[in-house]
Amino acid sequence: MPIHLISDFVPLLISVTLESDAVLLAVNTAVRSELDSSALVALNLSPTPDRAFHIGIVTLSGWTLSPAAEWLIERLQNVASRAG
């Protein structure tokens, strides 16, 4: 049975990944030292017609989005509208 671990505490995610056969989805800057020491290895993945990626953005009710979050949401909406 697959297990999905979601956390914003990056050290926990790194620890679980290093101690298991898990695959960690993270930006390179979040795991730079682990990549530099070869404790983790980057996998170069790109979307293909037979592989779908699902991306979500979670916001807290009543909280104001940062300018960076607003920018990202706008860009994702533009890409999605062009994709049909």
N, C-alpha and C. Protein backbone atom coordinates (compact mmCIF):
# COMPACT_ATOMS: atom_id res chain seq x y z
N MET A 1 0.84 -1.17 0.00
CA MET A 1 0.00 0.00 0.00
C MET A 1 0.89 1.24 0.00
N PRO A 2 0.71 2.13 -0.97
CA PRO A 2 1.52 3.35 -0.99
C PRO A 2 1.15 4.28 0.16
N ILE A 3 2.16 4.91 0.70
CA ILE A 3 1.97 5.90 1.76
C ILE A 3 2.43 7.24 1.25
N HIS A 4 1.63 8.27 1.45
CA HIS A 4 1.97 9.62 1.02
C HIS A 4 2.17 10.46 2.27
N LEU A 5 3.35 11.02 2.42
CA LEU A 5 3.66 11.87 3.56
C LEU A 5 3.75 13.30 3.07
N ILE A 6 2.96 14.16 3.66
CA ILE A 6 2.95 15.58 3.29
C ILE A 6 3.28 16.39 4.54
N SER A 7 4.29 17.24 4.44
CA SER A 7 4.69 18.06 5.57
C SER A 7 5.42 19.29 5.06
N ASP A 8 5.32 20.39 5.78
CA ASP A 8 6.12 21.56 5.42
C ASP A 8 7.40 21.61 6.24
N PHE A 9 7.65 20.56 7.05
CA PHE A 9 8.87 20.47 7.84
C PHE A 9 9.89 19.66 7.03
N VAL A 10 10.68 20.36 6.24
CA VAL A 10 11.59 19.73 5.29
C VAL A 10 12.58 18.77 5.96
N PRO A 11 13.15 19.08 7.13
CA PRO A 11 14.07 18.11 7.76
C PRO A 11 13.42 16.75 8.00
N LEU A 12 12.15 16.72 8.34
CA LEU A 12 11.45 15.45 8.52
C LEU A 12 11.37 14.69 7.21
N LEU A 13 11.01 15.39 6.14
CA LEU A 13 10.90 14.74 4.83
C LEU A 13 12.24 14.20 4.36
N ILE A 14 13.30 14.96 4.59
CA ILE A 14 14.64 14.51 4.23
C ILE A 14 15.01 13.27 5.02
N SER A 15 14.75 13.30 6.32
CA SER A 15 15.08 12.17 7.18
C SER A 15 14.36 10.90 6.75
N VAL A 16 13.06 11.01 6.49
CA VAL A 16 12.29 9.85 6.05
C VAL A 16 12.84 9.31 4.73
N THR A 17 13.19 10.20 3.83
CA THR A 17 13.71 9.79 2.53
C THR A 17 15.06 9.09 2.67
N LEU A 18 15.93 9.62 3.52
CA LEU A 18 17.25 9.01 3.70
C LEU A 18 17.18 7.66 4.39
N GLU A 19 16.15 7.43 5.18
CA GLU A 19 16.02 6.18 5.93
C GLU A 19 15.08 5.17 5.29
N SER A 20 14.67 5.42 4.05
CA SER A 20 13.72 4.53 3.40
C SER A 20 13.96 4.51 1.90
N ASP A 21 13.04 3.90 1.19
CA ASP A 21 13.12 3.91 -0.27
C ASP A 21 12.14 4.93 -0.86
N ALA A 22 11.82 5.95 -0.07
CA ALA A 22 10.88 6.98 -0.50
C ALA A 22 11.49 7.87 -1.57
N VAL A 23 10.62 8.49 -2.34
CA VAL A 23 11.01 9.50 -3.32
C VAL A 23 10.51 10.83 -2.79
N LEU A 24 11.41 11.80 -2.69
CA LEU A 24 11.07 13.12 -2.17
C LEU A 24 10.92 14.10 -3.32
N LEU A 25 9.79 14.77 -3.38
CA LEU A 25 9.59 15.83 -4.37
C LEU A 25 9.85 17.15 -3.67
N ALA A 26 10.94 17.81 -4.08
CA ALA A 26 11.33 19.07 -3.45
C ALA A 26 12.15 19.89 -4.44
N VAL A 27 12.21 21.17 -4.20
CA VAL A 27 13.08 22.01 -5.01
C VAL A 27 14.52 21.78 -4.57
N ASN A 28 15.44 21.93 -5.50
CA ASN A 28 16.85 21.65 -5.20
C ASN A 28 17.38 22.44 -4.01
N THR A 29 16.96 23.69 -3.87
CA THR A 29 17.49 24.51 -2.78
C THR A 29 17.12 23.96 -1.40
N ALA A 30 16.02 23.24 -1.31
CA ALA A 30 15.59 22.69 -0.02
C ALA A 30 16.47 21.52 0.41
N VAL A 31 17.12 20.87 -0.54
CA VAL A 31 17.94 19.69 -0.23
C VAL A 31 19.37 19.85 -0.77
N ARG A 32 19.81 21.10 -0.91
CA ARG A 32 21.11 21.38 -1.51
C ARG A 32 22.24 20.61 -0.86
N SER A 33 22.34 20.62 0.47
CA SER A 33 23.47 19.94 1.13
C SER A 33 23.42 18.44 0.90
N GLU A 34 22.22 17.87 0.86
CA GLU A 34 22.10 16.43 0.62
C GLU A 34 22.47 16.08 -0.83
N LEU A 35 22.14 16.96 -1.76
CA LEU A 35 22.54 16.75 -3.15
C LEU A 35 24.06 16.91 -3.30
N ASP A 36 24.63 17.93 -2.66
CA ASP A 36 26.07 18.17 -2.75
C ASP A 36 26.87 17.02 -2.17
N SER A 37 26.34 16.38 -1.12
CA SER A 37 27.06 15.26 -0.49
C SER A 37 26.70 13.92 -1.11
N SER A 38 25.84 13.94 -2.11
CA SER A 38 25.35 12.72 -2.79
C SER A 38 24.52 11.81 -1.88
N ALA A 39 24.04 12.36 -0.76
CA ALA A 39 23.13 11.59 0.08
C ALA A 39 21.80 11.40 -0.65
N LEU A 40 21.41 12.42 -1.44
CA LEU A 40 20.25 12.33 -2.31
C LEU A 40 20.71 12.58 -3.74
N VAL A 41 20.00 12.00 -4.67
CA VAL A 41 20.31 12.16 -6.09
C VAL A 41 19.09 12.72 -6.78
N ALA A 42 19.28 13.77 -7.57
CA ALA A 42 18.17 14.38 -8.29
C ALA A 42 17.76 13.49 -9.46
N LEU A 43 16.47 13.32 -9.62
CA LEU A 43 15.91 12.61 -10.76
C LEU A 43 15.36 13.66 -11.72
N ASN A 44 15.77 13.61 -12.94
CA ASN A 44 15.27 14.56 -13.93
C ASN A 44 13.99 14.00 -14.54
N LEU A 45 12.87 14.56 -14.14
CA LEU A 45 11.57 14.14 -14.64
C LEU A 45 10.95 15.26 -15.45
N SER A 46 10.28 14.89 -16.49
CA SER A 46 9.52 15.87 -17.25
C SER A 46 8.19 15.25 -17.63
N PRO A 47 7.16 16.05 -17.69
CA PRO A 47 5.85 15.51 -18.06
C PRO A 47 5.89 14.92 -19.47
N THR A 48 5.27 13.80 -19.63
CA THR A 48 5.11 13.18 -20.94
C THR A 48 3.63 12.86 -21.11
N PRO A 49 3.20 12.56 -22.33
CA PRO A 49 1.77 12.28 -22.52
C PRO A 49 1.24 11.14 -21.65
N ASP A 50 2.10 10.21 -21.26
CA ASP A 50 1.64 9.08 -20.45
C ASP A 50 1.87 9.29 -18.95
N ARG A 51 2.35 10.47 -18.55
CA ARG A 51 2.61 10.74 -17.14
C ARG A 51 1.96 12.06 -16.77
N ALA A 52 1.13 12.04 -15.76
CA ALA A 52 0.45 13.26 -15.33
C ALA A 52 0.99 13.69 -13.96
N PHE A 53 1.09 14.98 -13.76
CA PHE A 53 1.48 15.54 -12.48
C PHE A 53 0.32 16.36 -11.96
N HIS A 54 0.00 16.17 -10.70
CA HIS A 54 -1.06 16.94 -10.08
C HIS A 54 -0.42 17.91 -9.09
N ILE A 55 -0.73 19.17 -9.25
CA ILE A 55 -0.17 20.20 -8.38
C ILE A 55 -1.32 20.92 -7.71
N GLY A 56 -1.18 21.16 -6.43
CA GLY A 56 -2.22 21.87 -5.71
C GLY A 56 -1.63 23.01 -4.90
N ILE A 57 -2.44 23.99 -4.66
CA ILE A 57 -2.07 25.11 -3.80
C ILE A 57 -3.09 25.17 -2.69
N VAL A 58 -2.61 25.16 -1.47
CA VAL A 58 -3.48 25.21 -0.30
C VAL A 58 -3.34 26.57 0.35
N THR A 59 -4.47 27.18 0.65
CA THR A 59 -4.45 28.47 1.34
C THR A 59 -5.28 28.37 2.62
N LEU A 60 -4.98 29.20 3.57
CA LEU A 60 -5.73 29.23 4.81
C LEU A 60 -6.83 30.28 4.71
N SER A 61 -8.02 29.89 5.09
CA SER A 61 -9.16 30.79 5.03
C SER A 61 -8.89 32.05 5.85
N GLY A 62 -9.14 33.20 5.22
CA GLY A 62 -8.97 34.46 5.93
C GLY A 62 -7.56 35.02 5.88
N TRP A 63 -6.60 34.28 5.36
CA TRP A 63 -5.22 34.75 5.28
C TRP A 63 -4.99 35.42 3.93
N THR A 64 -4.17 36.42 3.91
CA THR A 64 -3.82 37.11 2.68
C THR A 64 -2.67 36.37 2.01
N LEU A 65 -2.79 36.19 0.70
CA LEU A 65 -1.71 35.54 -0.05
C LEU A 65 -0.53 36.50 -0.21
N SER A 66 0.66 35.94 -0.21
CA SER A 66 1.85 36.76 -0.47
C SER A 66 1.87 37.12 -1.94
N PRO A 67 2.61 38.18 -2.29
CA PRO A 67 2.74 38.51 -3.71
C PRO A 67 3.30 37.35 -4.54
N ALA A 68 4.22 36.59 -3.97
CA ALA A 68 4.79 35.44 -4.70
C ALA A 68 3.72 34.37 -4.94
N ALA A 69 2.88 34.12 -3.96
CA ALA A 69 1.81 33.13 -4.13
C ALA A 69 0.80 33.60 -5.18
N GLU A 70 0.46 34.88 -5.14
CA GLU A 70 -0.47 35.42 -6.14
C GLU A 70 0.13 35.30 -7.54
N TRP A 71 1.42 35.59 -7.68
CA TRP A 71 2.10 35.49 -8.96
C TRP A 71 2.06 34.05 -9.47
N LEU A 72 2.38 33.08 -8.59
CA LEU A 72 2.40 31.68 -8.98
C LEU A 72 1.01 31.20 -9.40
N ILE A 73 0.00 31.55 -8.64
CA ILE A 73 -1.37 31.14 -8.97
C ILE A 73 -1.77 31.70 -10.33
N GLU A 74 -1.45 32.96 -10.58
CA GLU A 74 -1.77 33.57 -11.88
C GLU A 74 -1.07 32.83 -13.02
N ARG A 75 0.20 32.51 -12.84
CA ARG A 75 0.94 31.80 -13.89
C ARG A 75 0.35 30.41 -14.13
N LEU A 76 0.03 29.70 -13.07
CA LEU A 76 -0.56 28.36 -13.21
C LEU A 76 -1.92 28.41 -13.90
N GLN A 77 -2.71 29.43 -13.58
CA GLN A 77 -4.00 29.58 -14.25
C GLN A 77 -3.81 29.85 -15.73
N ASN A 78 -2.81 30.65 -16.09
CA ASN A 78 -2.53 30.93 -17.51
C ASN A 78 -2.12 29.67 -18.24
N VAL A 79 -1.26 28.88 -17.63
CA VAL A 79 -0.82 27.63 -18.26
C VAL A 79 -2.00 26.68 -18.42
N ALA A 80 -2.81 26.56 -17.38
CA ALA A 80 -3.96 25.66 -17.43
C ALA A 80 -4.95 26.08 -18.50
N SER A 81 -5.16 27.39 -18.64
CA SER A 81 -6.13 27.86 -19.65
C SER A 81 -5.62 27.61 -21.06
N ARG A 82 -4.31 27.68 -21.27
CA ARG A 82 -3.74 27.39 -22.59
C ARG A 82 -3.75 25.89 -22.90
N ALA A 83 -3.69 25.06 -21.84
CA ALA A 83 -3.65 23.60 -22.04
C ALA A 83 -5.02 23.06 -22.40
N GLY A 84 -6.06 23.83 -22.14
CA GLY A 84 -7.40 23.42 -22.52
C GLY A 84 -8.10 22.79 -21.41
